[in-house]
Protein backbone atom coordinates (compact mmCIF):
# COMPACT_ATOMS: atom_id res chain seq x y z
CA UNK A 1 -11.88 39.10 -2.29
CA UNK A 2 -15.05 39.22 -4.35
CA UNK A 3 -18.13 37.70 -2.74
CA UNK A 4 -20.05 34.98 -4.51
CA UNK A 5 -22.92 34.76 -2.01
CA UNK A 6 -25.29 36.96 -4.06
CA UNK A 7 -24.57 35.05 -7.26
CA UNK A 8 -27.39 32.66 -7.99
CA UNK A 9 -29.65 31.88 -10.90
CA UNK A 10 -32.28 34.50 -11.68
CA UNK A 11 -35.64 32.79 -11.14
CA UNK A 12 -37.30 34.94 -13.81
CA UNK A 13 -35.59 32.80 -16.43
CA UNK A 14 -37.00 29.44 -15.21
CA UNK A 15 -35.34 27.52 -18.03
CA UNK A 16 -32.88 28.32 -20.81
CA UNK A 17 -30.12 30.94 -20.69
CA UNK A 18 -30.08 31.27 -16.90
CA UNK A 19 -26.44 30.13 -16.97
CA UNK A 20 -25.56 32.76 -19.59
CA UNK A 21 -27.25 35.47 -17.52
CA UNK A 22 -25.42 34.38 -14.34
CA UNK A 23 -22.09 34.39 -16.21
CA UNK A 24 -22.77 37.92 -17.49
CA UNK A 25 -23.54 39.16 -13.96
CA UNK A 26 -20.38 37.56 -12.61
CA UNK A 27 -18.27 39.19 -15.34
CA UNK A 28 -19.90 42.55 -14.63
CA UNK A 29 -19.06 42.03 -10.95
CA UNK A 30 -15.38 41.69 -11.75
CA UNK A 31 -15.05 37.93 -11.88
CA UNK A 32 -12.87 36.29 -14.52
CA UNK A 33 -14.51 33.25 -16.07
CA UNK A 34 -12.60 30.39 -17.63
CA UNK A 35 -13.64 27.32 -19.59
CA UNK A 36 -12.33 24.10 -18.11
CA UNK A 37 -12.67 21.45 -20.79
CA UNK A 38 -12.34 18.60 -18.30
CA UNK A 39 -15.34 19.78 -16.25
CA UNK A 40 -18.62 18.41 -17.55
CA UNK A 41 -22.18 18.97 -16.45
CA UNK A 42 -25.04 16.81 -17.61
CA UNK A 43 -28.74 16.82 -17.02
CA UNK A 44 -31.68 14.62 -17.80
CA UNK A 45 -32.32 16.31 -21.16
CA UNK A 46 -35.47 18.38 -21.45
CA UNK A 47 -37.24 17.11 -18.36
CA UNK A 48 -39.10 20.42 -17.96
CA UNK A 49 -39.62 21.04 -21.68
CA UNK A 50 -42.60 18.73 -21.95
CA UNK A 51 -44.46 20.97 -19.50
CA UNK A 52 -43.56 24.31 -21.05
CA UNK A 53 -43.29 25.96 -24.43
CA UNK A 54 -39.53 25.43 -24.87
CA UNK A 55 -39.24 27.38 -28.12
CA UNK A 56 -40.92 30.40 -26.54
CA UNK A 57 -38.73 30.31 -23.41
CA UNK A 58 -35.48 29.84 -25.35
CA UNK A 59 -36.30 32.74 -27.65
CA UNK A 60 -37.58 35.05 -24.90
CA UNK A 61 -34.59 34.43 -22.66
CA UNK A 62 -32.02 35.04 -25.39
CA UNK A 63 -33.42 38.54 -25.87
CA UNK A 64 -33.74 39.14 -22.13
CA UNK A 65 -30.06 38.40 -21.61
CA UNK A 66 -29.09 40.61 -24.57
CA UNK A 67 -31.17 43.48 -23.14
CA UNK A 68 -29.96 43.05 -19.56
CA UNK A 69 -26.26 42.66 -20.30
CA UNK A 70 -24.71 44.67 -23.11
CA UNK A 71 -22.13 42.65 -25.00
CA UNK A 72 -23.76 39.25 -24.49
CA UNK A 73 -25.64 39.35 -27.77
CA UNK A 74 -26.62 41.63 -30.60
CA UNK A 75 -30.38 42.00 -30.93
CA UNK A 76 -30.00 42.47 -34.68
CA UNK A 77 -28.02 39.22 -34.96
CA UNK A 78 -30.58 37.41 -32.80
CA UNK A 79 -33.44 38.67 -34.98
CA UNK A 80 -31.65 37.52 -38.14
CA UNK A 81 -31.00 34.09 -36.60
CA UNK A 82 -34.62 33.74 -35.50
CA UNK A 83 -35.86 34.69 -38.97
CA UNK A 84 -33.66 31.95 -40.47
CA UNK A 85 -34.50 29.23 -37.97
CA UNK A 86 -38.07 30.09 -37.09
CA UNK A 87 -37.87 31.42 -33.56
CA UNK A 88 -40.96 32.18 -31.54
CA UNK A 89 -42.41 35.58 -32.48
CA UNK A 90 -44.17 35.65 -29.11
CA UNK A 91 -40.79 34.95 -27.46
CA UNK A 92 -39.10 37.77 -29.40
CA UNK A 93 -41.77 40.26 -28.32
CA UNK A 94 -41.70 39.12 -24.68
CA UNK A 95 -37.90 39.20 -24.61
CA UNK A 96 -37.63 42.65 -26.13
CA UNK A 97 -40.54 44.37 -24.43
CA UNK A 98 -41.61 42.19 -21.49
């Protein structure tokens, strides 16, 4: 039986994409993940965003996950998307090289 004890959110992410990163680690550890449409999680929308630069964190963390876990995202596709929608250049640099 696979152990789940070591599986927790990576605190380096703080906000945004920590769930994607955890899912990638679980998959790499041999877990099978399934979507259960009936299960719903809600939060008090953007409670921490007023205190942080949300655009920077979202952008940085997308690239971090793509770098850390091959197959979770194409850096080229992320760059193209950020060019189209105006991602944070500072976030791109921090995510790719930080």
